[in-house]
N, C-alpha and C. Protein backbone atom coordinates (compact mmCIF):
# COMPACT_ATOMS: atom_id res chain seq x y z
N MET A 1 112.13 123.93 26.28
CA MET A 1 110.87 123.57 26.95
C MET A 1 111.13 122.48 27.99
N SER A 2 110.50 122.61 29.12
CA SER A 2 110.74 121.61 30.16
C SER A 2 109.98 120.32 29.86
N GLU A 3 110.46 119.26 30.44
CA GLU A 3 109.84 117.95 30.24
C GLU A 3 108.43 117.92 30.82
N SER A 4 107.58 117.16 30.18
CA SER A 4 106.23 116.98 30.73
C SER A 4 106.30 116.04 31.93
N ILE A 5 105.23 116.01 32.69
CA ILE A 5 105.17 115.10 33.84
C ILE A 5 105.29 113.65 33.35
N ALA A 6 104.64 113.33 32.24
CA ALA A 6 104.70 111.96 31.70
C ALA A 6 106.14 111.58 31.33
N GLU A 7 106.87 112.51 30.72
CA GLU A 7 108.28 112.22 30.37
C GLU A 7 109.12 112.02 31.63
N ARG A 8 108.88 112.85 32.62
CA ARG A 8 109.63 112.72 33.87
C ARG A 8 109.34 111.40 34.57
N THR A 9 108.05 111.05 34.63
CA THR A 9 107.70 109.81 35.34
C THR A 9 108.19 108.58 34.56
N ASP A 10 108.21 108.66 33.22
CA ASP A 10 108.78 107.57 32.43
C ASP A 10 110.27 107.40 32.75
N ASP A 11 110.97 108.52 32.90
CA ASP A 11 112.39 108.47 33.26
C ASP A 11 112.58 107.82 34.63
N ILE A 12 111.70 108.15 35.57
CA ILE A 12 111.79 107.58 36.92
C ILE A 12 111.57 106.07 36.86
N VAL A 13 110.57 105.63 36.07
CA VAL A 13 110.30 104.19 35.93
C VAL A 13 111.53 103.49 35.34
N ASP A 14 112.12 104.07 34.29
CA ASP A 14 113.32 103.49 33.67
C ASP A 14 114.46 103.39 34.68
N GLU A 15 114.61 104.44 35.47
CA GLU A 15 115.66 104.48 36.49
C GLU A 15 115.50 103.33 37.49
N PHE A 16 114.27 103.13 37.96
CA PHE A 16 114.02 102.10 38.96
C PHE A 16 114.11 100.70 38.36
N ASP A 17 113.87 100.58 37.06
CA ASP A 17 113.99 99.28 36.39
C ASP A 17 115.43 98.78 36.39
N MET A 18 116.38 99.69 36.54
CA MET A 18 117.80 99.30 36.53
C MET A 18 118.19 98.52 37.79
N PHE A 19 117.41 98.65 38.84
CA PHE A 19 117.76 98.00 40.10
C PHE A 19 117.08 96.63 40.20
N GLU A 20 117.87 95.65 40.63
CA GLU A 20 117.37 94.28 40.72
C GLU A 20 116.45 94.08 41.92
N ASP A 21 116.91 94.52 43.09
CA ASP A 21 116.10 94.24 44.29
C ASP A 21 115.72 95.52 45.02
N TRP A 22 114.83 95.34 45.99
CA TRP A 22 114.29 96.50 46.68
C TRP A 22 115.26 97.20 47.60
N MET A 23 116.28 96.50 48.07
CA MET A 23 117.28 97.19 48.90
C MET A 23 118.00 98.25 48.06
N ASP A 24 118.29 97.91 46.80
CA ASP A 24 118.94 98.88 45.91
C ASP A 24 118.00 100.05 45.61
N LYS A 25 116.72 99.73 45.45
CA LYS A 25 115.74 100.79 45.18
C LYS A 25 115.61 101.72 46.39
N TYR A 26 115.61 101.12 47.59
CA TYR A 26 115.57 101.96 48.81
C TYR A 26 116.80 102.86 48.88
N ASP A 27 117.97 102.29 48.56
CA ASP A 27 119.20 103.09 48.57
C ASP A 27 119.08 104.26 47.60
N HIS A 28 118.48 103.99 46.45
CA HIS A 28 118.30 105.04 45.44
C HIS A 28 117.35 106.13 45.96
N ILE A 29 116.27 105.70 46.59
CA ILE A 29 115.31 106.66 47.17
C ILE A 29 116.01 107.52 48.23
N ILE A 30 116.82 106.89 49.06
CA ILE A 30 117.56 107.62 50.10
C ILE A 30 118.51 108.64 49.47
N SER A 31 119.20 108.23 48.40
CA SER A 31 120.13 109.17 47.75
C SER A 31 119.37 110.33 47.11
N LEU A 32 118.17 110.08 46.58
CA LEU A 32 117.35 111.17 46.04
C LEU A 32 116.99 112.16 47.14
N GLY A 33 116.67 111.62 48.32
CA GLY A 33 116.34 112.48 49.46
C GLY A 33 117.51 113.35 49.87
N LYS A 34 118.73 112.79 49.78
CA LYS A 34 119.92 113.56 50.15
C LYS A 34 120.17 114.69 49.15
N GLU A 35 119.72 114.51 47.91
CA GLU A 35 119.92 115.52 46.87
C GLU A 35 118.83 116.59 46.88
N LEU A 36 117.78 116.37 47.66
CA LEU A 36 116.66 117.31 47.69
C LEU A 36 117.13 118.67 48.19
N PRO A 37 116.90 119.72 47.38
CA PRO A 37 117.28 121.06 47.87
C PRO A 37 116.49 121.38 49.15
N LEU A 38 117.17 121.93 50.11
CA LEU A 38 116.52 122.17 51.40
C LEU A 38 115.46 123.25 51.30
N ILE A 39 114.37 123.00 51.98
CA ILE A 39 113.30 123.98 52.08
C ILE A 39 113.81 125.13 52.96
N ASP A 40 113.40 126.33 52.65
CA ASP A 40 113.75 127.49 53.46
C ASP A 40 113.17 127.29 54.86
N GLU A 41 113.97 127.55 55.87
CA GLU A 41 113.55 127.34 57.27
C GLU A 41 112.21 128.02 57.59
N GLN A 42 111.95 129.17 56.96
CA GLN A 42 110.70 129.89 57.26
C GLN A 42 109.46 129.10 56.86
N TYR A 43 109.63 128.09 56.01
CA TYR A 43 108.48 127.28 55.57
C TYR A 43 108.32 126.00 56.39
N LYS A 44 109.25 125.77 57.32
CA LYS A 44 109.12 124.59 58.18
C LYS A 44 108.21 124.92 59.36
N VAL A 45 106.94 125.15 59.01
CA VAL A 45 105.94 125.53 60.01
C VAL A 45 104.80 124.54 59.97
N GLU A 46 104.03 124.56 61.02
CA GLU A 46 102.89 123.65 61.19
C GLU A 46 101.97 123.63 59.96
N ASP A 47 101.68 124.80 59.39
CA ASP A 47 100.77 124.89 58.24
C ASP A 47 101.28 124.12 57.03
N ASN A 48 102.60 123.95 56.91
CA ASN A 48 103.16 123.27 55.76
C ASN A 48 103.41 121.78 56.00
N LEU A 49 103.08 121.30 57.18
CA LEU A 49 103.21 119.87 57.46
C LEU A 49 102.11 119.11 56.73
N ILE A 50 102.48 118.02 56.09
CA ILE A 50 101.48 117.20 55.39
C ILE A 50 100.78 116.32 56.42
N LYS A 51 99.47 116.45 56.47
CA LYS A 51 98.68 115.64 57.41
C LYS A 51 98.61 114.21 56.86
N GLY A 52 98.68 113.25 57.74
CA GLY A 52 98.56 111.86 57.30
C GLY A 52 99.89 111.17 57.08
N CYS A 53 100.99 111.91 57.28
CA CYS A 53 102.31 111.29 57.17
C CYS A 53 102.77 110.91 58.57
N GLN A 54 103.34 109.71 58.65
CA GLN A 54 103.84 109.21 59.92
C GLN A 54 105.01 110.08 60.40
N SER A 55 105.91 110.40 59.48
CA SER A 55 107.01 111.29 59.83
C SER A 55 106.61 112.72 59.46
N ARG A 56 107.45 113.65 59.85
CA ARG A 56 107.12 115.04 59.56
C ARG A 56 107.63 115.40 58.17
N VAL A 57 106.71 115.89 57.34
CA VAL A 57 107.06 116.32 55.98
C VAL A 57 106.50 117.72 55.78
N TRP A 58 107.41 118.63 55.47
CA TRP A 58 106.99 120.00 55.16
C TRP A 58 106.99 120.15 53.65
N LEU A 59 105.93 120.73 53.13
CA LEU A 59 105.84 120.97 51.69
C LEU A 59 105.44 122.41 51.47
N HIS A 60 106.20 123.09 50.63
CA HIS A 60 105.89 124.48 50.30
C HIS A 60 105.78 124.59 48.79
N ALA A 61 104.84 125.40 48.34
CA ALA A 61 104.67 125.62 46.91
C ALA A 61 104.72 127.11 46.60
N ASP A 62 105.43 127.45 45.55
CA ASP A 62 105.47 128.81 45.03
C ASP A 62 104.88 128.79 43.64
N TYR A 63 104.25 129.88 43.27
CA TYR A 63 103.65 129.97 41.94
C TYR A 63 104.07 131.29 41.31
N ASP A 64 104.67 131.21 40.14
CA ASP A 64 105.16 132.43 39.47
C ASP A 64 104.17 132.97 38.44
N GLY A 65 102.93 132.46 38.49
CA GLY A 65 101.93 132.90 37.53
C GLY A 65 101.83 131.96 36.34
N GLU A 66 102.84 131.08 36.22
CA GLU A 66 102.84 130.13 35.12
C GLU A 66 103.06 128.70 35.61
N LYS A 67 104.10 128.55 36.45
CA LYS A 67 104.47 127.22 36.92
C LYS A 67 104.55 127.17 38.44
N VAL A 68 104.35 125.97 38.97
CA VAL A 68 104.42 125.75 40.42
C VAL A 68 105.78 125.14 40.76
N GLN A 69 106.43 125.68 41.76
CA GLN A 69 107.68 125.11 42.25
C GLN A 69 107.44 124.61 43.67
N PHE A 70 107.83 123.36 43.89
CA PHE A 70 107.69 122.77 45.22
C PHE A 70 109.05 122.65 45.89
N THR A 71 109.06 122.88 47.20
CA THR A 71 110.22 122.54 48.02
C THR A 71 109.69 121.78 49.22
N ALA A 72 110.54 120.93 49.78
CA ALA A 72 110.08 120.09 50.88
C ALA A 72 111.26 119.64 51.74
N ASP A 73 110.91 119.08 52.88
CA ASP A 73 111.90 118.45 53.74
C ASP A 73 111.16 117.44 54.62
N SER A 74 111.90 116.51 55.15
CA SER A 74 111.31 115.54 56.06
C SER A 74 112.35 115.16 57.09
N ASP A 75 111.87 114.72 58.25
CA ASP A 75 112.79 114.26 59.29
C ASP A 75 113.10 112.77 59.14
N ALA A 76 112.53 112.12 58.12
CA ALA A 76 112.79 110.69 57.89
C ALA A 76 113.41 110.53 56.50
N ILE A 77 114.50 109.78 56.44
CA ILE A 77 115.30 109.69 55.23
C ILE A 77 114.55 109.07 54.04
N ILE A 78 113.79 108.01 54.27
CA ILE A 78 113.03 107.38 53.16
C ILE A 78 111.94 108.34 52.70
N THR A 79 111.26 108.95 53.64
CA THR A 79 110.18 109.89 53.31
C THR A 79 110.73 111.07 52.52
N LYS A 80 111.91 111.51 52.89
CA LYS A 80 112.54 112.62 52.17
C LYS A 80 112.80 112.21 50.71
N GLY A 81 113.20 110.98 50.51
CA GLY A 81 113.41 110.47 49.15
C GLY A 81 112.12 110.38 48.37
N ILE A 82 111.05 109.98 49.03
CA ILE A 82 109.75 109.86 48.37
C ILE A 82 109.24 111.24 47.94
N ILE A 83 109.34 112.22 48.83
CA ILE A 83 108.88 113.56 48.45
C ILE A 83 109.79 114.14 47.37
N ALA A 84 111.08 113.78 47.38
CA ALA A 84 112.00 114.22 46.32
C ALA A 84 111.53 113.68 44.96
N LEU A 85 111.09 112.42 44.94
CA LEU A 85 110.56 111.82 43.71
C LEU A 85 109.33 112.58 43.23
N MET A 86 108.43 112.89 44.16
CA MET A 86 107.20 113.59 43.79
C MET A 86 107.51 115.01 43.26
N ILE A 87 108.47 115.66 43.89
CA ILE A 87 108.86 117.00 43.43
C ILE A 87 109.47 116.91 42.04
N ARG A 88 110.30 115.89 41.84
CA ARG A 88 110.91 115.71 40.52
C ARG A 88 109.83 115.54 39.44
N ALA A 89 108.78 114.83 39.78
CA ALA A 89 107.70 114.60 38.83
C ALA A 89 106.85 115.85 38.60
N LEU A 90 106.55 116.59 39.66
CA LEU A 90 105.52 117.62 39.58
C LEU A 90 106.00 119.07 39.62
N SER A 91 107.20 119.32 40.11
CA SER A 91 107.63 120.71 40.24
C SER A 91 107.91 121.33 38.88
N ASP A 92 107.75 122.64 38.80
CA ASP A 92 108.02 123.39 37.58
C ASP A 92 107.07 123.00 36.45
N GLN A 93 105.82 122.74 36.82
CA GLN A 93 104.77 122.42 35.85
C GLN A 93 103.60 123.39 36.09
N THR A 94 102.70 123.46 35.14
CA THR A 94 101.54 124.33 35.31
C THR A 94 100.57 123.70 36.31
N PRO A 95 99.76 124.52 36.97
CA PRO A 95 98.76 123.95 37.89
C PRO A 95 97.87 122.91 37.19
N GLN A 96 97.44 123.19 35.97
CA GLN A 96 96.57 122.26 35.24
C GLN A 96 97.26 120.92 35.02
N ALA A 97 98.54 120.96 34.63
CA ALA A 97 99.29 119.71 34.39
C ALA A 97 99.39 118.89 35.68
N ILE A 98 99.59 119.57 36.80
CA ILE A 98 99.71 118.88 38.09
C ILE A 98 98.37 118.25 38.48
N VAL A 99 97.30 119.02 38.33
CA VAL A 99 95.96 118.52 38.67
C VAL A 99 95.63 117.29 37.82
N ASP A 100 95.97 117.33 36.53
CA ASP A 100 95.64 116.25 35.60
C ASP A 100 96.65 115.11 35.60
N ALA A 101 97.74 115.24 36.34
CA ALA A 101 98.85 114.29 36.26
C ALA A 101 98.43 112.85 36.57
N ASP A 102 98.89 111.95 35.72
CA ASP A 102 98.74 110.52 35.94
C ASP A 102 99.98 110.07 36.71
N LEU A 103 99.79 109.70 37.94
CA LEU A 103 100.93 109.33 38.77
C LEU A 103 101.03 107.82 38.98
N SER A 104 100.64 107.07 37.95
CA SER A 104 100.69 105.61 38.04
C SER A 104 102.12 105.09 38.13
N PHE A 105 103.10 105.96 37.87
CA PHE A 105 104.49 105.54 37.99
C PHE A 105 104.79 105.02 39.40
N VAL A 106 104.07 105.56 40.39
CA VAL A 106 104.25 105.13 41.78
C VAL A 106 103.99 103.62 41.89
N ASP A 107 102.94 103.15 41.19
CA ASP A 107 102.65 101.71 41.18
C ASP A 107 103.62 100.96 40.28
N GLN A 108 103.99 101.58 39.15
CA GLN A 108 104.88 100.92 38.20
C GLN A 108 106.24 100.60 38.82
N ILE A 109 106.75 101.49 39.66
CA ILE A 109 108.05 101.21 40.29
C ILE A 109 107.89 100.35 41.54
N GLY A 110 106.64 100.04 41.90
CA GLY A 110 106.38 99.16 43.04
C GLY A 110 106.50 99.83 44.38
N LEU A 111 106.44 101.16 44.36
CA LEU A 111 106.67 101.91 45.60
C LEU A 111 105.62 101.61 46.66
N LYS A 112 104.34 101.72 46.27
CA LYS A 112 103.28 101.55 47.26
C LYS A 112 103.34 100.18 47.96
N GLU A 113 103.58 99.14 47.16
CA GLU A 113 103.56 97.79 47.75
C GLU A 113 104.77 97.51 48.64
N HIS A 114 105.83 98.32 48.51
CA HIS A 114 107.02 98.11 49.33
C HIS A 114 107.12 99.09 50.49
N LEU A 115 106.08 99.86 50.69
CA LEU A 115 106.05 100.79 51.82
C LEU A 115 105.16 100.22 52.91
N SER A 116 105.45 100.58 54.14
CA SER A 116 104.54 100.20 55.22
C SER A 116 103.21 100.91 54.97
N PRO A 117 102.10 100.39 55.50
CA PRO A 117 100.80 101.04 55.27
C PRO A 117 100.80 102.52 55.66
N THR A 118 101.49 102.87 56.75
CA THR A 118 101.49 104.28 57.16
C THR A 118 102.27 105.14 56.17
N ARG A 119 103.38 104.60 55.63
CA ARG A 119 104.15 105.35 54.62
C ARG A 119 103.35 105.46 53.32
N ALA A 120 102.65 104.39 52.94
CA ALA A 120 101.84 104.43 51.72
C ALA A 120 100.74 105.49 51.86
N ASN A 121 100.13 105.56 53.04
CA ASN A 121 99.13 106.61 53.30
C ASN A 121 99.77 107.99 53.22
N GLY A 122 100.98 108.09 53.72
CA GLY A 122 101.71 109.36 53.66
C GLY A 122 101.97 109.78 52.23
N LEU A 123 102.31 108.82 51.38
CA LEU A 123 102.54 109.09 49.96
C LEU A 123 101.27 109.63 49.32
N VAL A 124 100.15 109.01 49.60
CA VAL A 124 98.85 109.47 49.08
C VAL A 124 98.59 110.90 49.58
N SER A 125 98.91 111.17 50.84
CA SER A 125 98.73 112.52 51.40
C SER A 125 99.62 113.54 50.70
N MET A 126 100.86 113.15 50.38
CA MET A 126 101.77 114.05 49.66
C MET A 126 101.18 114.43 48.31
N ILE A 127 100.71 113.42 47.58
CA ILE A 127 100.14 113.65 46.25
C ILE A 127 98.92 114.56 46.35
N LYS A 128 98.04 114.26 47.32
CA LYS A 128 96.84 115.08 47.52
C LYS A 128 97.22 116.53 47.80
N GLN A 129 98.21 116.73 48.66
CA GLN A 129 98.61 118.08 49.03
C GLN A 129 99.19 118.83 47.84
N MET A 130 100.00 118.16 47.03
CA MET A 130 100.60 118.80 45.86
C MET A 130 99.51 119.19 44.85
N LYS A 131 98.54 118.31 44.66
CA LYS A 131 97.44 118.61 43.74
C LYS A 131 96.55 119.71 44.32
N PHE A 132 96.40 119.72 45.64
CA PHE A 132 95.61 120.76 46.31
C PHE A 132 96.24 122.14 46.08
N TYR A 133 97.56 122.23 46.24
CA TYR A 133 98.25 123.50 45.97
C TYR A 133 98.00 123.92 44.52
N ALA A 134 98.12 122.98 43.59
CA ALA A 134 97.92 123.29 42.17
C ALA A 134 96.50 123.81 41.93
N LEU A 135 95.52 123.16 42.55
CA LEU A 135 94.13 123.60 42.42
C LEU A 135 93.95 125.03 42.96
N ALA A 136 94.58 125.30 44.08
CA ALA A 136 94.48 126.64 44.68
C ALA A 136 95.09 127.69 43.76
N PHE A 137 96.24 127.38 43.17
CA PHE A 137 96.87 128.32 42.24
C PHE A 137 96.02 128.49 40.99
N GLN A 138 95.42 127.39 40.55
CA GLN A 138 94.58 127.41 39.36
C GLN A 138 93.37 128.32 39.58
N SER A 139 92.79 128.24 40.77
CA SER A 139 91.61 129.05 41.05
C SER A 139 91.96 130.53 41.14
N LYS A 140 93.20 130.84 41.49
CA LYS A 140 93.64 132.24 41.51
C LYS A 140 93.77 132.80 40.10
N GLN A 141 94.04 131.92 39.14
CA GLN A 141 94.18 132.34 37.74
C GLN A 141 92.84 132.78 37.18
N ALA A 142 91.80 132.07 37.57
CA ALA A 142 90.49 132.26 36.96
C ALA A 142 89.92 133.65 37.20
């Protein structure tokens, strides 16, 4: 059985607790972005761009009838790391789990307070978009 969103986000919080300062945390975010599996080029289209992000972030969601899989890419290295974190937390979960997800880990690791206001807004937009996809898939189930 795959890990729940809560288990995944707890792991992320533990991971970030290992770093003393924010430069190390930024380096970790950047390395997560480098590990992000590339989105298929066919999904790098205007419709998949997240509105409200300062940099360009493409987000694609697939639904196999049970779980949602997200893929993404960004033209900005920090942003790519942030979306990688969100995918790690939310991908391969049911639409209901994604819609109900408590994403307070973002505050727990201090991410929002260490981002510029435009990046913080972008993070909120990413979360909204991921939950929006989940809602859309959920409504198709009904």
